[in-house]
PDB file of N, CA and C in Angstrom:
ATOM      1  N   MET A   1       0.839  -1.181   0.000  1.00  0.00           N
ATOM      2  CA  MET A   1       0.000   0.000   0.000  1.00  0.00           C
ATOM      3  C   MET A   1       0.884   1.244   0.000  1.00  0.00           C
ATOM      4  N   ARG A   2       0.605   2.140  -0.897  1.00  0.00           N
ATOM      5  CA  ARG A   2       1.379   3.370  -1.016  1.00  0.00           C
ATOM      6  C   ARG A   2       0.880   4.437  -0.050  1.00  0.00           C
ATOM      7  N   THR A   3       1.818   5.158   0.509  1.00  0.00           N
ATOM      8  CA  THR A   3       1.466   6.333   1.306  1.00  0.00           C
ATOM      9  C   THR A   3       1.288   7.495   0.347  1.00  0.00           C
ATOM     10  N   MET A   4       0.197   8.203   0.483  1.00  0.00           N
ATOM     11  CA  MET A   4      -0.092   9.329  -0.405  1.00  0.00           C
ATOM     12  C   MET A   4       0.130  10.641   0.352  1.00  0.00           C
ATOM     13  N   PRO A   5       0.217  11.765  -0.370  1.00  0.00           N
ATOM     14  CA  PRO A   5       0.548  13.033   0.280  1.00  0.00           C
ATOM     15  C   PRO A   5      -0.451  13.500   1.333  1.00  0.00           C
ATOM     16  N   ASP A   6      -1.686  13.001   1.283  1.00  0.00           N
ATOM     17  CA  ASP A   6      -2.675  13.425   2.280  1.00  0.00           C
ATOM     18  C   ASP A   6      -2.685  12.519   3.516  1.00  0.00           C
ATOM     19  N   ASP A   7      -1.764  11.573   3.574  1.00  0.00           N
ATOM     20  CA  ASP A   7      -1.666  10.672   4.726  1.00  0.00           C
ATOM     21  C   ASP A   7      -1.237  11.458   5.958  1.00  0.00           C
ATOM     22  N   PRO A   8      -1.808  11.172   7.118  1.00  0.00           N
ATOM     23  CA  PRO A   8      -1.416  11.877   8.348  1.00  0.00           C
ATOM     24  C   PRO A   8       0.080  11.777   8.663  1.00  0.00           C
ATOM     25  N   LYS A   9       0.727  10.699   8.234  1.00  0.00           N
ATOM     26  CA  LYS A   9       2.173  10.577   8.459  1.00  0.00           C
ATOM     27  C   LYS A   9       2.925  11.689   7.731  1.00  0.00           C
ATOM     28  N   VAL A  10       2.445  12.049   6.552  1.00  0.00           N
ATOM     29  CA  VAL A  10       3.108  13.072   5.751  1.00  0.00           C
ATOM     30  C   VAL A  10       2.869  14.457   6.346  1.00  0.00           C
ATOM     31  N   SER A  11       1.669  14.714   6.830  1.00  0.00           N
ATOM     32  CA  SER A  11       1.358  16.033   7.388  1.00  0.00           C
ATOM     33  C   SER A  11       1.794  16.189   8.848  1.00  0.00           C
ATOM     34  N   PHE A  12       2.394  15.149   9.418  1.00  0.00           N
ATOM     35  CA  PHE A  12       2.828  15.219  10.807  1.00  0.00           C
ATOM     36  C   PHE A  12       3.871  16.320  11.028  1.00  0.00           C
ATOM     37  N   TYR A  13       4.625  16.674   9.982  1.00  0.00           N
ATOM     38  CA  TYR A  13       5.614  17.747  10.123  1.00  0.00           C
ATOM     39  C   TYR A  13       4.954  19.049  10.558  1.00  0.00           C
ATOM     40  N   LEU A  14       3.698  19.257  10.197  1.00  0.00           N
ATOM     41  CA  LEU A  14       2.959  20.448  10.640  1.00  0.00           C
ATOM     42  C   LEU A  14       2.483  20.296  12.085  1.00  0.00           C
ATOM     43  N   LYS A  15       1.970  19.135  12.423  1.00  0.00           N
ATOM     44  CA  LYS A  15       1.465  18.881  13.778  1.00  0.00           C
ATOM     45  C   LYS A  15       2.580  19.006  14.808  1.00  0.00           C
ATOM     46  N   ILE A  16       3.766  18.514  14.472  1.00  0.00           N
ATOM     47  CA  ILE A  16       4.862  18.559  15.429  1.00  0.00           C
ATOM     48  C   ILE A  16       5.289  19.999  15.690  1.00  0.00           C
ATOM     49  N   LYS A  17       5.178  20.860  14.684  1.00  0.00           N
ATOM     50  CA  LYS A  17       5.503  22.281  14.876  1.00  0.00           C
ATOM     51  C   LYS A  17       4.434  22.970  15.718  1.00  0.00           C
ATOM     52  N   GLU A  18       3.177  22.551  15.588  1.00  0.00           N
ATOM     53  CA  GLU A  18       2.119  23.083  16.459  1.00  0.00           C
ATOM     54  C   GLU A  18       2.408  22.703  17.914  1.00  0.00           C
ATOM     55  N   LEU A  19       2.808  21.469  18.127  1.00  0.00           N
ATOM     56  CA  LEU A  19       3.155  21.009  19.469  1.00  0.00           C
ATOM     57  C   LEU A  19       4.359  21.786  20.001  1.00  0.00           C
ATOM     58  N   GLU A  20       5.344  22.010  19.172  1.00  0.00           N
ATOM     59  CA  GLU A  20       6.508  22.795  19.565  1.00  0.00           C
ATOM     60  C   GLU A  20       6.095  24.192  20.038  1.00  0.00           C
ATOM     61  N   ALA A  21       5.212  24.835  19.294  1.00  0.00           N
ATOM     62  CA  ALA A  21       4.747  26.181  19.657  1.00  0.00           C
ATOM     63  C   ALA A  21       3.980  26.172  20.976  1.00  0.00           C
ATOM     64  N   ARG A  22       3.204  25.128  21.221  1.00  0.00           N
ATOM     65  CA  ARG A  22       2.454  25.029  22.487  1.00  0.00           C
ATOM     66  C   ARG A  22       3.361  24.778  23.669  1.00  0.00           C
ATOM     67  N   LEU A  23       4.402  23.986  23.471  1.00  0.00           N
ATOM     68  CA  LEU A  23       5.283  23.615  24.572  1.00  0.00           C
ATOM     69  C   LEU A  23       6.374  24.649  24.864  1.00  0.00           C
ATOM     70  N   GLN A  24       6.732  25.446  23.896  1.00  0.00           N
ATOM     71  CA  GLN A  24       7.833  26.391  24.063  1.00  0.00           C
ATOM     72  C   GLN A  24       7.672  27.307  25.277  1.00  0.00           C
ATOM     73  N   PRO A  25       6.490  27.835  25.562  1.00  0.00           N
ATOM     74  CA  PRO A  25       6.355  28.703  26.735  1.00  0.00           C
ATOM     75  C   PRO A  25       6.743  28.033  28.053  1.00  0.00           C
ATOM     76  N   SER A  26       6.710  26.718  28.108  1.00  0.00           N
ATOM     77  CA  SER A  26       7.090  26.016  29.342  1.00  0.00           C
ATOM     78  C   SER A  26       8.608  25.851  29.466  1.00  0.00           C
ATOM     79  N   CYS A  27       9.339  26.294  28.477  1.00  0.00           N
ATOM     80  CA  CYS A  27      10.809  26.169  28.477  1.00  0.00           C
ATOM     81  C   CYS A  27      11.424  27.565  28.410  1.00  0.00           C
ATOM     82  N   ASP A  28      11.257  28.326  29.470  1.00  0.00           N
ATOM     83  CA  ASP A  28      11.681  29.731  29.473  1.00  0.00           C
ATOM     84  C   ASP A  28      13.139  29.941  29.088  1.00  0.00           C
ATOM     85  N   ASP A  29      14.016  29.120  29.609  1.00  0.00           N
ATOM     86  CA  ASP A  29      15.443  29.362  29.403  1.00  0.00           C
ATOM     87  C   ASP A  29      16.054  28.563  28.257  1.00  0.00           C
ATOM     88  N   LYS A  30      15.248  27.803  27.539  1.00  0.00           N
ATOM     89  CA  LYS A  30      15.763  26.981  26.451  1.00  0.00           C
ATOM     90  C   LYS A  30      14.855  27.112  25.227  1.00  0.00           C
ATOM     91  N   ARG A  31      15.441  26.911  24.075  1.00  0.00           N
ATOM     92  CA  ARG A  31      14.650  26.882  22.842  1.00  0.00           C
ATOM     93  C   ARG A  31      14.313  25.436  22.515  1.00  0.00           C
ATOM     94  N   MET A  32      13.037  25.156  22.403  1.00  0.00           N
ATOM     95  CA  MET A  32      12.583  23.818  22.061  1.00  0.00           C
ATOM     96  C   MET A  32      12.493  23.696  20.551  1.00  0.00           C
ATOM     97  N   MET A  33      12.934  22.553  20.039  1.00  0.00           N
ATOM     98  CA  MET A  33      12.846  22.315  18.607  1.00  0.00           C
ATOM     99  C   MET A  33      12.375  20.884  18.379  1.00  0.00           C
ATOM    100  N   LEU A  34      11.256  20.750  17.690  1.00  0.00           N
ATOM    101  CA  LEU A  34      10.726  19.443  17.320  1.00  0.00           C
ATOM    102  C   LEU A  34      10.625  19.388  15.798  1.00  0.00           C
ATOM    103  N   ASN A  35      11.040  18.280  15.219  1.00  0.00           N
ATOM    104  CA  ASN A  35      10.981  18.093  13.775  1.00  0.00           C
ATOM    105  C   ASN A  35      10.497  16.689  13.461  1.00  0.00           C
ATOM    106  N   SER A  36       9.948  16.551  12.286  1.00  0.00           N
ATOM    107  CA  SER A  36       9.513  15.257  11.791  1.00  0.00           C
ATOM    108  C   SER A  36       9.916  15.152  10.331  1.00  0.00           C
ATOM    109  N   PHE A  37      10.582  14.061   9.989  1.00  0.00           N
ATOM    110  CA  PHE A  37      10.988  13.807   8.610  1.00  0.00           C
ATOM    111  C   PHE A  37      10.586  12.395   8.225  1.00  0.00           C
ATOM    112  N   ILE A  38      10.280  12.216   6.963  1.00  0.00           N
ATOM    113  CA  ILE A  38      10.109  10.888   6.390  1.00  0.00           C
ATOM    114  C   ILE A  38      11.303  10.676   5.477  1.00  0.00           C
ATOM    115  N   MET A  39      12.065   9.650   5.766  1.00  0.00           N
ATOM    116  CA  MET A  39      13.197   9.264   4.927  1.00  0.00           C
ATOM    117  C   MET A  39      12.713   8.066   4.114  1.00  0.00           C
ATOM    118  N   SER A  40      12.323   8.330   2.885  1.00  0.00           N
ATOM    119  CA  SER A  40      11.662   7.330   2.064  1.00  0.00           C
ATOM    120  C   SER A  40      12.652   6.484   1.273  1.00  0.00           C
ATOM    121  N   GLY A  41      12.429   5.187   1.316  1.00  0.00           N
ATOM    122  CA  GLY A  41      13.199   4.266   0.492  1.00  0.00           C
ATOM    123  C   GLY A  41      12.644   4.165  -0.920  1.00  0.00           C
ATOM    124  N   THR A  42      11.488   4.764  -1.142  1.00  0.00           N
ATOM    125  CA  THR A  42      10.892   4.790  -2.475  1.00  0.00           C
ATOM    126  C   THR A  42      11.707   5.735  -3.357  1.00  0.00           C
ATOM    127  N   PRO A  43      12.045   5.308  -4.554  1.00  0.00           N
ATOM    128  CA  PRO A  43      12.800   6.198  -5.440  1.00  0.00           C
ATOM    129  C   PRO A  43      12.077   7.520  -5.686  1.00  0.00           C
ATOM    130  N   SER A  44      12.848   8.573  -5.735  1.00  0.00           N
ATOM    131  CA  SER A  44      12.314   9.917  -5.949  1.00  0.00           C
ATOM    132  C   SER A  44      11.464   9.996  -7.215  1.00  0.00           C
ATOM    133  N   SER A  45      11.894   9.321  -8.260  1.00  0.00           N
ATOM    134  CA  SER A  45      11.141   9.361  -9.528  1.00  0.00           C
ATOM    135  C   SER A  45       9.753   8.736  -9.370  1.00  0.00           C
ATOM    136  N   ASP A  46       9.645   7.682  -8.545  1.00  0.00           N
ATOM    137  CA  ASP A  46       8.332   7.068  -8.303  1.00  0.00           C
ATOM    138  C   ASP A  46       7.426   8.017  -7.521  1.00  0.00           C
ATOM    139  N   LEU A  47       7.966   8.646  -6.469  1.00  0.00           N
ATOM    140  CA  LEU A  47       7.142   9.591  -5.696  1.00  0.00           C
ATOM    141  C   LEU A  47       6.698  10.761  -6.561  1.00  0.00           C
ATOM    142  N   LYS A  48       7.583  11.228  -7.419  1.00  0.00           N
ATOM    143  CA  LYS A  48       7.213  12.333  -8.317  1.00  0.00           C
ATOM    144  C   LYS A  48       6.006  11.941  -9.159  1.00  0.00           C
ATOM    145  N   THR A  49       6.010  10.721  -9.675  1.00  0.00           N
ATOM    146  CA  THR A  49       4.901  10.240 -10.507  1.00  0.00           C
ATOM    147  C   THR A  49       3.641  10.010  -9.673  1.00  0.00           C
ATOM    148  N   TRP A  50       3.771   9.289  -8.561  1.00  0.00           N
ATOM    149  CA  TRP A  50       2.602   8.927  -7.753  1.00  0.00           C
ATOM    150  C   TRP A  50       1.950  10.143  -7.117  1.00  0.00           C
ATOM    151  N   TRP A  51       2.763  11.065  -6.633  1.00  0.00           N
ATOM    152  CA  TRP A  51       2.240  12.218  -5.906  1.00  0.00           C
ATOM    153  C   TRP A  51       2.035  13.433  -6.801  1.00  0.00           C
ATOM    154  N   ASN A  52       2.544  13.387  -8.031  1.00  0.00           N
ATOM    155  CA  ASN A  52       2.495  14.542  -8.926  1.00  0.00           C
ATOM    156  C   ASN A  52       3.077  15.771  -8.213  1.00  0.00           C
ATOM    157  N   MET A  53       4.259  15.557  -7.629  1.00  0.00           N
ATOM    158  CA  MET A  53       4.871  16.584  -6.787  1.00  0.00           C
ATOM    159  C   MET A  53       6.378  16.580  -7.035  1.00  0.00           C
ATOM    160  N   SER A  54       6.932  17.753  -7.209  1.00  0.00           N
ATOM    161  CA  SER A  54       8.370  17.877  -7.462  1.00  0.00           C
ATOM    162  C   SER A  54       9.179  17.611  -6.187  1.00  0.00           C
ATOM    163  N   LYS A  55      10.471  17.445  -6.358  1.00  0.00           N
ATOM    164  CA  LYS A  55      11.366  17.239  -5.214  1.00  0.00           C
ATOM    165  C   LYS A  55      11.272  18.405  -4.231  1.00  0.00           C
ATOM    166  N   PRO A  56      11.342  19.673  -4.678  1.00  0.00           N
ATOM    167  CA  PRO A  56      11.198  20.778  -3.714  1.00  0.00           C
ATOM    168  C   PRO A  56       9.851  20.774  -2.987  1.00  0.00           C
ATOM    169  N   GLU A  57       8.785  20.371  -3.671  1.00  0.00           N
ATOM    170  CA  GLU A  57       7.477  20.304  -3.014  1.00  0.00           C
ATOM    171  C   GLU A  57       7.457  19.220  -1.935  1.00  0.00           C
ATOM    172  N   ARG A  58       8.072  18.072  -2.219  1.00  0.00           N
ATOM    173  CA  ARG A  58       8.143  17.001  -1.217  1.00  0.00           C
ATOM    174  C   ARG A  58       9.037  17.409  -0.056  1.00  0.00           C
ATOM    175  N   GLU A  59      10.162  18.045  -0.369  1.00  0.00           N
ATOM    176  CA  GLU A  59      11.073  18.496   0.684  1.00  0.00           C
ATOM    177  C   GLU A  59      10.413  19.544   1.574  1.00  0.00           C
ATOM    178  N   ALA A  60       9.532  20.342   1.016  1.00  0.00           N
ATOM    179  CA  ALA A  60       8.806  21.330   1.826  1.00  0.00           C
ATOM    180  C   ALA A  60       7.927  20.638   2.869  1.00  0.00           C
ATOM    181  N   ARG A  61       7.549  19.395   2.596  1.00  0.00           N
ATOM    182  CA  ARG A  61       6.758  18.598   3.538  1.00  0.00           C
ATOM    183  C   ARG A  61       7.641  17.665   4.363  1.00  0.00           C
ATOM    184  N   ASN A  62       8.948  17.863   4.274  1.00  0.00           N
ATOM    185  CA  ASN A  62       9.937  17.057   4.998  1.00  0.00           C
ATOM    186  C   ASN A  62       9.914  15.587   4.594  1.00  0.00           C
ATOM    187  N   VAL A  63       9.594  15.329   3.334  1.00  0.00           N
ATOM    188  CA  VAL A  63       9.678  13.977   2.779  1.00  0.00           C
ATOM    189  C   VAL A  63      10.927  13.939   1.916  1.00  0.00           C
ATOM    190  N   LEU A  64      11.904  13.164   2.348  1.00  0.00           N
ATOM    191  CA  LEU A  64      13.185  13.086   1.661  1.00  0.00           C
ATOM    192  C   LEU A  64      13.396  11.662   1.168  1.00  0.00           C
ATOM    193  N   CYS A  65      13.953  11.538  -0.013  1.00  0.00           N
ATOM    194  CA  CYS A  65      14.182  10.218  -0.597  1.00  0.00           C
ATOM    195  C   CYS A  65      15.646   9.828  -0.447  1.00  0.00           C
ATOM    196  N   LEU A  66      15.857   8.621   0.007  1.00  0.00           N
ATOM    197  CA  LEU A  66      17.206   8.142   0.269  1.00  0.00           C
ATOM    198  C   LEU A  66      18.045   8.003  -1.003  1.00  0.00           C
ATOM    199  N   ASP A  67      17.395   7.952  -2.176  1.00  0.00           N
ATOM    200  CA  ASP A  67      18.176   7.854  -3.410  1.00  0.00           C
ATOM    201  C   ASP A  67      18.710   9.213  -3.867  1.00  0.00           C
ATOM    202  N   ASN A  68      18.321  10.278  -3.186  1.00  0.00           N
ATOM    203  CA  ASN A  68      18.892  11.603  -3.469  1.00  0.00           C
ATOM    204  C   ASN A  68      20.125  11.779  -2.599  1.00  0.00           C
ATOM    205  N   SER A  69      21.253  12.024  -3.216  1.00  0.00           N
ATOM    206  CA  SER A  69      22.515  12.078  -2.479  1.00  0.00           C
ATOM    207  C   SER A  69      22.556  13.207  -1.453  1.00  0.00           C
ATOM    208  N   ASP A  70      21.668  14.184  -1.590  1.00  0.00           N
ATOM    209  CA  ASP A  70      21.676  15.328  -0.669  1.00  0.00           C
ATOM    210  C   ASP A  70      20.637  15.215   0.445  1.00  0.00           C
ATOM    211  N   CYS A  71      20.003  14.066   0.608  1.00  0.00           N
ATOM    212  CA  CYS A  71      18.884  13.968   1.567  1.00  0.00           C
ATOM    213  C   CYS A  71      19.314  14.289   2.997  1.00  0.00           C
ATOM    214  N   ILE A  72      20.467  13.842   3.425  1.00  0.00           N
ATOM    215  CA  ILE A  72      20.918  14.115   4.791  1.00  0.00           C
ATOM    216  C   ILE A  72      21.251  15.601   4.942  1.00  0.00           C
ATOM    217  N   GLU A  73      21.911  16.169   3.938  1.00  0.00           N
ATOM    218  CA  GLU A  73      22.242  17.589   3.976  1.00  0.00           C
ATOM    219  C   GLU A  73      20.994  18.454   4.028  1.00  0.00           C
ATOM    220  N   VAL A  74      19.975  18.064   3.254  1.00  0.00           N
ATOM    221  CA  VAL A  74      18.709  18.816   3.263  1.00  0.00           C
ATOM    222  C   VAL A  74      18.072  18.740   4.644  1.00  0.00           C
ATOM    223  N   MET A  75      18.057  17.547   5.246  1.00  0.00           N
ATOM    224  CA  MET A  75      17.461  17.394   6.568  1.00  0.00           C
ATOM    225  C   MET A  75      18.217  18.243   7.608  1.00  0.00           C
ATOM    226  N   ILE A  76      19.521  18.164   7.603  1.00  0.00           N
ATOM    227  CA  ILE A  76      20.311  18.945   8.575  1.00  0.00           C
ATOM    228  C   ILE A  76      20.111  20.426   8.335  1.00  0.00           C
ATOM    229  N   GLY A  77      20.068  20.843   7.092  1.00  0.00           N
ATOM    230  CA  GLY A  77      19.832  22.255   6.781  1.00  0.00           C
ATOM    231  C   GLY A  77      18.491  22.744   7.303  1.00  0.00           C
ATOM    232  N   LYS A  78      17.462  21.907   7.175  1.00  0.00           N
ATOM    233  CA  LYS A  78      16.137  22.278   7.691  1.00  0.00           C
ATOM    234  C   LYS A  78      16.143  22.348   9.210  1.00  0.00           C
ATOM    235  N   ILE A  79      16.865  21.439   9.856  1.00  0.00           N
ATOM    236  CA  ILE A  79      16.939  21.452  11.313  1.00  0.00           C
ATOM    237  C   ILE A  79      17.685  22.677  11.807  1.00  0.00           C
ATOM    238  N   LEU A  80      18.791  22.998  11.179  1.00  0.00           N
ATOM    239  CA  LEU A  80      19.603  24.120  11.606  1.00  0.00           C
ATOM    240  C   LEU A  80      19.101  25.469  11.104  1.00  0.00           C
ATOM    241  N   GLY A  81      18.286  25.420  10.043  1.00  0.00           N
ATOM    242  CA  GLY A  81      17.798  26.650   9.427  1.00  0.00           C
ATOM    243  C   GLY A  81      16.833  27.348  10.265  1.00  0.00           C
TER     244      GLY A  81
END
């Protein structure tokens, strides 16, 4: 069974940021950071076809494909950005 872009697993990157915003006030002296990424073993070309979504569009949803040589760099950049 294929995971599609409207699956709750894919949109969890938004929910985790909502949780981060709610919890941050309880951490006065520290910055809280929560992230969610999907590291997909599905080839990028297949996701592009199935989801009708470009690589930048998928990366905007924190869905990264392991066959892209820059997937780890993109994830770290998003975390540090």
